Amino acid sequence: MLLYEYPPKLSHAGRQAKALHDLEQHRKIRRNMIKNIIIAAVILALSFFVNVLIVRVVLIVIALANAAVGGLLYWYNMLSFDTKLYSRIYDDHLEHSQRVGFSKRYLHAVIAYADVEKSEQDNHGRLLVTLKNDNSAELFTCDENGENRQAYELKDNTVSLRFADTKAKLTLVSDLYEKINYPHKEYKVIEDDDDDYYTAEDKKWDSFGKHGF
């Protein structure tokens, strides 16, 4: 049974509205990238008018870093418009697609929860899924046209999954944590029974329990 799907299936009107929204967002992202590049170009030009060498080097580094940040932000934000990214969370398995680094190749994964030995998150928010030795998972990479298919080589039987949609990952780690052997934390609720500082006289004048506020 399908529990969650990204991107969600939309009606014809919903697809039209999304297309208009995506077009406006793309223009905004593009404007921000161009703005970063222009600022970087201005800083780089100013550096040639500086006679102090160390200051000139610092300005050049700042300009290059600004341009690089603009490019990376553009690439990262454009991932949300990539129609080849998907996550389908079923009650017994996961189907997922993600970009391979900065390339135009995609990793496709079909993983049954019964094949998962353990899972955890790294410092970057990626879900690290370690598979059993005798797993039947289907993992392969292909180009953006679905061609040039190649088997994906696992390292230590672990695949790193990067989700374009936060809710897809939360469905796994919150609702299906037992099935994917994810370390779920139960937070203890602390109830304060010590009411000595709040006297009966206080309660008489503060019937809402707001401690006078």
C-alpha atoms as a PDB file:
ATOM      1  CA  MET A   1       0.000   0.000   0.000  1.00  0.00           C
ATOM      2  CA  LEU A   2       1.299   3.450  -0.946  1.00  0.00           C
ATOM      3  CA  LEU A   3       1.680   5.646   2.142  1.00  0.00           C
ATOM      4  CA  TYR A   4       3.274   8.757   0.678  1.00  0.00           C
ATOM      5  CA  GLU A   5       4.384   9.919  -2.740  1.00  0.00           C
ATOM      6  CA  TYR A   6       6.556  12.796  -3.936  1.00  0.00           C
ATOM      7  CA  PRO A   7       5.858  14.574  -6.165  1.00  0.00           C
ATOM      8  CA  PRO A   8       2.117  14.191  -5.510  1.00  0.00           C
ATOM      9  CA  LYS A   9      -0.245  13.505  -8.385  1.00  0.00           C
ATOM     10  CA  LEU A  10      -2.082  16.668  -9.359  1.00  0.00           C
ATOM     11  CA  SER A  11      -5.208  17.410 -11.344  1.00  0.00           C
ATOM     12  CA  HIS A  12      -5.000  19.227 -14.674  1.00  0.00           C
ATOM     13  CA  ALA A  13      -5.757  22.546 -12.976  1.00  0.00           C
ATOM     14  CA  GLY A  14      -3.227  21.743 -10.253  1.00  0.00           C
ATOM     15  CA  ARG A  15      -0.517  21.037 -12.838  1.00  0.00           C
ATOM     16  CA  GLN A  16      -1.218  24.342 -14.582  1.00  0.00           C
ATOM     17  CA  ALA A  17      -1.046  26.265 -11.301  1.00  0.00           C
ATOM     18  CA  LYS A  18       2.192  24.503 -10.366  1.00  0.00           C
ATOM     19  CA  ALA A  19       3.712  25.269 -13.776  1.00  0.00           C
ATOM     20  CA  LEU A  20       3.006  28.988 -13.339  1.00  0.00           C
ATOM     21  CA  HIS A  21       4.386  28.913  -9.789  1.00  0.00           C
ATOM     22  CA  ASP A  22       7.531  27.038 -10.883  1.00  0.00           C
ATOM     23  CA  LEU A  23       8.097  29.499 -13.720  1.00  0.00           C
ATOM     24  CA  GLU A  24       7.984  32.459 -11.335  1.00  0.00           C
ATOM     25  CA  GLN A  25      10.256  30.688  -8.830  1.00  0.00           C
ATOM     26  CA  HIS A  26      12.728  29.846 -11.594  1.00  0.00           C
ATOM     27  CA  ARG A  27      12.876  33.493 -12.622  1.00  0.00           C
ATOM     28  CA  LYS A  28      13.510  34.522  -9.020  1.00  0.00           C
ATOM     29  CA  ILE A  29      16.294  31.945  -8.579  1.00  0.00           C
ATOM     30  CA  ARG A  30      17.867  33.019 -11.869  1.00  0.00           C
ATOM     31  CA  ARG A  31      17.741  36.695 -10.842  1.00  0.00           C
ATOM     32  CA  ASN A  32      19.488  35.895  -7.564  1.00  0.00           C
ATOM     33  CA  MET A  33      22.219  33.977  -9.379  1.00  0.00           C
ATOM     34  CA  ILE A  34      22.776  36.825 -11.854  1.00  0.00           C
ATOM     35  CA  LYS A  35      22.891  39.283  -8.931  1.00  0.00           C
ATOM     36  CA  ASN A  36      25.610  37.189  -7.236  1.00  0.00           C
ATOM     37  CA  ILE A  37      27.630  37.034 -10.448  1.00  0.00           C
ATOM     38  CA  ILE A  38      27.350  40.793 -10.989  1.00  0.00           C
ATOM     39  CA  ILE A  39      28.500  41.481  -7.412  1.00  0.00           C
ATOM     40  CA  ALA A  40      31.395  39.069  -7.922  1.00  0.00           C
ATOM     41  CA  ALA A  41      32.351  40.833 -11.175  1.00  0.00           C
ATOM     42  CA  VAL A  42      32.272  44.263  -9.474  1.00  0.00           C
ATOM     43  CA  ILE A  43      34.477  43.036  -6.598  1.00  0.00           C
ATOM     44  CA  LEU A  44      36.881  41.443  -9.078  1.00  0.00           C
ATOM     45  CA  ALA A  45      37.087  44.674 -11.093  1.00  0.00           C
ATOM     46  CA  LEU A  46      37.735  46.723  -7.952  1.00  0.00           C
ATOM     47  CA  SER A  47      40.575  44.403  -6.985  1.00  0.00           C
ATOM     48  CA  PHE A  48      42.615  45.591  -9.983  1.00  0.00           C
ATOM     49  CA  PHE A  49      42.559  49.146  -8.638  1.00  0.00           C
ATOM     50  CA  VAL A  50      44.054  48.087  -5.302  1.00  0.00           C
ATOM     51  CA  ASN A  51      47.816  48.416  -5.020  1.00  0.00           C
ATOM     52  CA  VAL A  52      48.243  46.347  -1.855  1.00  0.00           C
ATOM     53  CA  LEU A  53      48.802  42.771  -3.009  1.00  0.00           C
ATOM     54  CA  ILE A  54      47.276  40.996  -0.042  1.00  0.00           C
ATOM     55  CA  VAL A  55      44.106  43.121  -0.256  1.00  0.00           C
ATOM     56  CA  ARG A  56      43.869  42.406  -3.982  1.00  0.00           C
ATOM     57  CA  VAL A  57      44.157  38.658  -3.334  1.00  0.00           C
ATOM     58  CA  VAL A  58      41.481  38.800  -0.632  1.00  0.00           C
ATOM     59  CA  LEU A  59      39.113  40.652  -2.982  1.00  0.00           C
ATOM     60  CA  ILE A  60      39.704  38.125  -5.762  1.00  0.00           C
ATOM     61  CA  VAL A  61      39.009  35.249  -3.378  1.00  0.00           C
ATOM     62  CA  ILE A  62      35.796  36.950  -2.173  1.00  0.00           C
ATOM     63  CA  ALA A  63      34.673  37.512  -5.764  1.00  0.00           C
ATOM     64  CA  LEU A  64      35.288  33.897  -6.772  1.00  0.00           C
ATOM     65  CA  ALA A  65      33.613  32.595  -3.606  1.00  0.00           C
ATOM     66  CA  ASN A  66      30.575  34.800  -4.227  1.00  0.00           C
ATOM     67  CA  ALA A  67      30.238  33.525  -7.788  1.00  0.00           C
ATOM     68  CA  ALA A  68      30.651  29.920  -6.632  1.00  0.00           C
ATOM     69  CA  VAL A  69      28.005  30.335  -3.915  1.00  0.00           C
ATOM     70  CA  GLY A  70      25.622  31.823  -6.465  1.00  0.00           C
ATOM     71  CA  GLY A  71      26.146  28.867  -8.792  1.00  0.00           C
ATOM     72  CA  LEU A  72      25.736  26.296  -6.022  1.00  0.00           C
ATOM     73  CA  LEU A  73      22.552  27.942  -4.730  1.00  0.00           C
ATOM     74  CA  TYR A  74      21.171  27.974  -8.259  1.00  0.00           C
ATOM     75  CA  TRP A  75      21.949  24.267  -8.703  1.00  0.00           C
ATOM     76  CA  TYR A  76      20.532  23.363  -5.279  1.00  0.00           C
ATOM     77  CA  ASN A  77      17.307  25.352  -5.745  1.00  0.00           C
ATOM     78  CA  MET A  78      16.793  23.938  -9.227  1.00  0.00           C
ATOM     79  CA  LEU A  79      16.673  20.430  -7.751  1.00  0.00           C
ATOM     80  CA  SER A  80      13.142  21.193  -6.555  1.00  0.00           C
ATOM     81  CA  PHE A  81      12.075  21.496 -10.226  1.00  0.00           C
ATOM     82  CA  ASP A  82      13.705  18.237 -11.313  1.00  0.00           C
ATOM     83  CA  THR A  83      10.831  16.032 -12.475  1.00  0.00           C
ATOM     84  CA  LYS A  84      13.014  12.909 -12.418  1.00  0.00           C
ATOM     85  CA  LEU A  85      13.365  13.010  -8.632  1.00  0.00           C
ATOM     86  CA  TYR A  86      10.777  10.975  -6.769  1.00  0.00           C
ATOM     87  CA  SER A  87      10.125   9.145  -3.496  1.00  0.00           C
ATOM     88  CA  ARG A  88       7.376   6.563  -3.101  1.00  0.00           C
ATOM     89  CA  ILE A  89       6.947   5.220   0.402  1.00  0.00           C
ATOM     90  CA  TYR A  90       5.050   1.926   0.589  1.00  0.00           C
ATOM     91  CA  ASP A  91       4.233  -0.105   3.676  1.00  0.00           C
ATOM     92  CA  ASP A  92       6.787  -2.785   2.691  1.00  0.00           C
ATOM     93  CA  HIS A  93       9.312  -1.075   0.407  1.00  0.00           C
ATOM     94  CA  LEU A  94      10.751   2.222  -0.821  1.00  0.00           C
ATOM     95  CA  GLU A  95      11.152   3.494  -4.391  1.00  0.00           C
ATOM     96  CA  HIS A  96      13.472   6.484  -4.715  1.00  0.00           C
ATOM     97  CA  SER A  97      15.365   8.532  -7.301  1.00  0.00           C
ATOM     98  CA  GLN A  98      18.079  11.148  -6.738  1.00  0.00           C
ATOM     99  CA  ARG A  99      20.819  12.957  -8.628  1.00  0.00           C
ATOM    100  CA  VAL A 100      24.326  11.506  -8.491  1.00  0.00           C
ATOM    101  CA  GLY A 101      26.475  14.391  -7.256  1.00  0.00           C
ATOM    102  CA  PHE A 102      26.670  17.257  -9.769  1.00  0.00           C
ATOM    103  CA  SER A 103      26.324  14.948 -12.760  1.00  0.00           C
ATOM    104  CA  LYS A 104      23.291  14.416 -14.977  1.00  0.00           C
ATOM    105  CA  ARG A 105      22.975  10.820 -13.845  1.00  0.00           C
ATOM    106  CA  TYR A 106      20.345   9.502 -11.465  1.00  0.00           C
ATOM    107  CA  LEU A 107      20.405   6.796  -8.828  1.00  0.00           C
ATOM    108  CA  HIS A 108      17.256   4.668  -8.736  1.00  0.00           C
ATOM    109  CA  ALA A 109      16.637   2.472  -5.698  1.00  0.00           C
ATOM    110  CA  VAL A 110      13.976  -0.091  -4.864  1.00  0.00           C
ATOM    111  CA  ILE A 111      14.555  -1.322  -1.309  1.00  0.00           C
ATOM    112  CA  ALA A 112      12.386  -3.739   0.669  1.00  0.00           C
ATOM    113  CA  TYR A 113      12.323  -2.924   4.375  1.00  0.00           C
ATOM    114  CA  ALA A 114      12.964  -6.606   5.128  1.00  0.00           C
ATOM    115  CA  ASP A 115      16.412  -6.158   3.507  1.00  0.00           C
ATOM    116  CA  VAL A 116      17.404  -3.243   5.764  1.00  0.00           C
ATOM    117  CA  GLU A 117      19.841  -4.152   8.516  1.00  0.00           C
ATOM    118  CA  LYS A 118      19.950  -0.639  10.006  1.00  0.00           C
ATOM    119  CA  SER A 119      19.523   3.010   9.067  1.00  0.00           C
ATOM    120  CA  GLU A 120      20.674   6.357  10.417  1.00  0.00           C
ATOM    121  CA  GLN A 121      21.119   9.982   9.394  1.00  0.00           C
ATOM    122  CA  ASP A 122      24.452  11.654   8.754  1.00  0.00           C
ATOM    123  CA  ASN A 123      25.368  15.255   9.595  1.00  0.00           C
ATOM    124  CA  HIS A 124      24.013  16.431   6.229  1.00  0.00           C
ATOM    125  CA  GLY A 125      20.548  14.977   6.763  1.00  0.00           C
ATOM    126  CA  ARG A 126      21.023  12.084   4.351  1.00  0.00           C
ATOM    127  CA  LEU A 127      19.537   8.724   5.284  1.00  0.00           C
ATOM    128  CA  LEU A 128      22.201   6.023   5.396  1.00  0.00           C
ATOM    129  CA  VAL A 129      20.618   2.633   4.775  1.00  0.00           C
ATOM    130  CA  THR A 130      22.723  -0.457   5.445  1.00  0.00           C
ATOM    131  CA  LEU A 131      21.448  -3.564   3.656  1.00  0.00           C
ATOM    132  CA  LYS A 132      21.783  -7.199   4.621  1.00  0.00           C
ATOM    133  CA  ASN A 133      24.314  -9.309   2.732  1.00  0.00           C
ATOM    134  CA  ASP A 134      21.603 -11.369   1.045  1.00  0.00           C
ATOM    135  CA  ASN A 135      19.466  -8.357   0.075  1.00  0.00           C
ATOM    136  CA  SER A 136      17.354  -8.216  -3.075  1.00  0.00           C
ATOM    137  CA  ALA A 137      17.483  -4.420  -3.477  1.00  0.00           C
ATOM    138  CA  GLU A 138      17.491  -2.988  -6.985  1.00  0.00           C
ATOM    139  CA  LEU A 139      20.057  -0.186  -7.322  1.00  0.00           C
ATOM    140  CA  PHE A 140      21.212   1.295 -10.609  1.00  0.00           C
ATOM    141  CA  THR A 141      22.215   4.578 -12.219  1.00  0.00           C
ATOM    142  CA  CYS A 142      21.163   5.940 -15.600  1.00  0.00           C
ATOM    143  CA  ASP A 143      21.292   9.184 -17.561  1.00  0.00           C
ATOM    144  CA  GLU A 144      18.499  11.757 -17.678  1.00  0.00           C
ATOM    145  CA  ASN A 145      16.847   9.879 -20.546  1.00  0.00           C
ATOM    146  CA  GLY A 146      16.790   6.607 -18.603  1.00  0.00           C
ATOM    147  CA  GLU A 147      19.523   5.118 -20.804  1.00  0.00           C
ATOM    148  CA  ASN A 148      23.102   3.923 -20.190  1.00  0.00           C
ATOM    149  CA  ARG A 149      21.953   1.924 -17.178  1.00  0.00           C
ATOM    150  CA  GLN A 150      24.698   0.711 -14.820  1.00  0.00           C
ATOM    151  CA  ALA A 151      24.606  -1.293 -11.588  1.00  0.00           C
ATOM    152  CA  TYR A 152      25.297   0.818  -8.500  1.00  0.00           C
ATOM    153  CA  GLU A 153      28.284  -0.273  -6.454  1.00  0.00           C
ATOM    154  CA  LEU A 154      27.576  -0.320  -2.710  1.00  0.00           C
ATOM    155  CA  LYS A 155      30.266   0.526  -0.166  1.00  0.00           C
ATOM    156  CA  ASP A 156      29.951  -1.431   3.096  1.00  0.00           C
ATOM    157  CA  ASN A 157      26.467  -2.466   1.926  1.00  0.00           C
ATOM    158  CA  THR A 158      25.320   1.112   2.578  1.00  0.00           C
ATOM    159  CA  VAL A 159      23.456   3.490   0.286  1.00  0.00           C
ATOM    160  CA  SER A 160      23.125   7.209   1.026  1.00  0.00           C
ATOM    161  CA  LEU A 161      19.660   8.547   0.212  1.00  0.00           C
ATOM    162  CA  ARG A 162      19.127  12.278  -0.285  1.00  0.00           C
ATOM    163  CA  PHE A 163      15.483  13.374  -0.248  1.00  0.00           C
ATOM    164  CA  ALA A 164      14.192  16.347  -2.208  1.00  0.00           C
ATOM    165  CA  ASP A 165      11.094  16.273  -0.011  1.00  0.00           C
ATOM    166  CA  THR A 166      11.455  16.403   3.775  1.00  0.00           C
ATOM    167  CA  LYS A 167       8.089  14.765   4.437  1.00  0.00           C
ATOM    168  CA  ALA A 168       9.145  11.633   2.547  1.00  0.00           C
ATOM    169  CA  LYS A 169      12.118  11.160   4.855  1.00  0.00           C
ATOM    170  CA  LEU A 170      10.045  11.959   7.946  1.00  0.00           C
ATOM    171  CA  THR A 171       7.500   9.316   6.923  1.00  0.00           C
ATOM    172  CA  LEU A 172      10.299   6.757   6.981  1.00  0.00           C
ATOM    173  CA  VAL A 173      12.053   7.784  10.205  1.00  0.00           C
ATOM    174  CA  SER A 174       8.912   8.650  12.171  1.00  0.00           C
ATOM    175  CA  ASP A 175       6.245   6.222  10.975  1.00  0.00           C
ATOM    176  CA  LEU A 176       8.314   3.293   9.696  1.00  0.00           C
ATOM    177  CA  TYR A 177      11.319   3.445  12.006  1.00  0.00           C
ATOM    178  CA  GLU A 178      10.780  -0.109  13.248  1.00  0.00           C
ATOM    179  CA  LYS A 179      10.748  -1.525   9.729  1.00  0.00           C
ATOM    180  CA  ILE A 180      13.942   0.265   8.665  1.00  0.00           C
ATOM    181  CA  ASN A 181      15.649  -0.253  12.049  1.00  0.00           C
ATOM    182  CA  TYR A 182      16.056   3.461  12.632  1.00  0.00           C
ATOM    183  CA  PRO A 183      17.059   4.577  16.169  1.00  0.00           C
ATOM    184  CA  HIS A 184      13.793   6.114  17.319  1.00  0.00           C
ATOM    185  CA  LYS A 185      13.930   8.240  20.460  1.00  0.00           C
ATOM    186  CA  GLU A 186      11.131   8.302  22.998  1.00  0.00           C
ATOM    187  CA  TYR A 187      11.163  11.591  24.869  1.00  0.00           C
ATOM    188  CA  LYS A 188      10.085  11.420  28.504  1.00  0.00           C
ATOM    189  CA  VAL A 189       7.451  13.936  29.533  1.00  0.00           C
ATOM    190  CA  ILE A 190       8.366  15.546  32.845  1.00  0.00           C
ATOM    191  CA  GLU A 191       5.408  16.362  35.049  1.00  0.00           C
ATOM    192  CA  ASP A 192       6.008  18.867  37.820  1.00  0.00           C
ATOM    193  CA  ASP A 193       4.174  17.681  40.938  1.00  0.00           C
ATOM    194  CA  ASP A 194       5.991  20.074  43.241  1.00  0.00           C
ATOM    195  CA  ASP A 195       3.427  22.843  43.717  1.00  0.00           C
ATOM    196  CA  ASP A 196       4.900  24.303  46.908  1.00  0.00           C
ATOM    197  CA  TYR A 197       5.735  27.617  45.263  1.00  0.00           C
ATOM    198  CA  TYR A 198       2.114  28.003  44.129  1.00  0.00           C
ATOM    199  CA  THR A 199      -0.090  28.275  47.234  1.00  0.00           C
ATOM    200  CA  ALA A 200      -3.826  27.803  47.647  1.00  0.00           C
ATOM    201  CA  GLU A 201      -4.178  31.572  48.036  1.00  0.00           C
ATOM    202  CA  ASP A 202      -2.427  32.030  44.671  1.00  0.00           C
ATOM    203  CA  LYS A 203      -4.817  29.591  43.045  1.00  0.00           C
ATOM    204  CA  LYS A 204      -7.791  31.432  44.494  1.00  0.00           C
ATOM    205  CA  TRP A 205      -6.790  34.634  42.722  1.00  0.00           C
ATOM    206  CA  ASP A 206      -5.386  32.925  39.620  1.00  0.00           C
ATOM    207  CA  SER A 207      -8.092  30.508  38.515  1.00  0.00           C
ATOM    208  CA  PHE A 208      -6.576  30.184  35.021  1.00  0.00           C
ATOM    209  CA  GLY A 209      -3.307  28.857  36.364  1.00  0.00           C
ATOM    210  CA  LYS A 210      -1.251  31.554  34.693  1.00  0.00           C
ATOM    211  CA  HIS A 211       0.812  32.375  37.765  1.00  0.00           C
ATOM    212  CA  GLY A 212      -0.331  35.972  37.812  1.00  0.00           C
ATOM    213  CA  PHE A 213       0.346  36.672  34.122  1.00  0.00           C
END
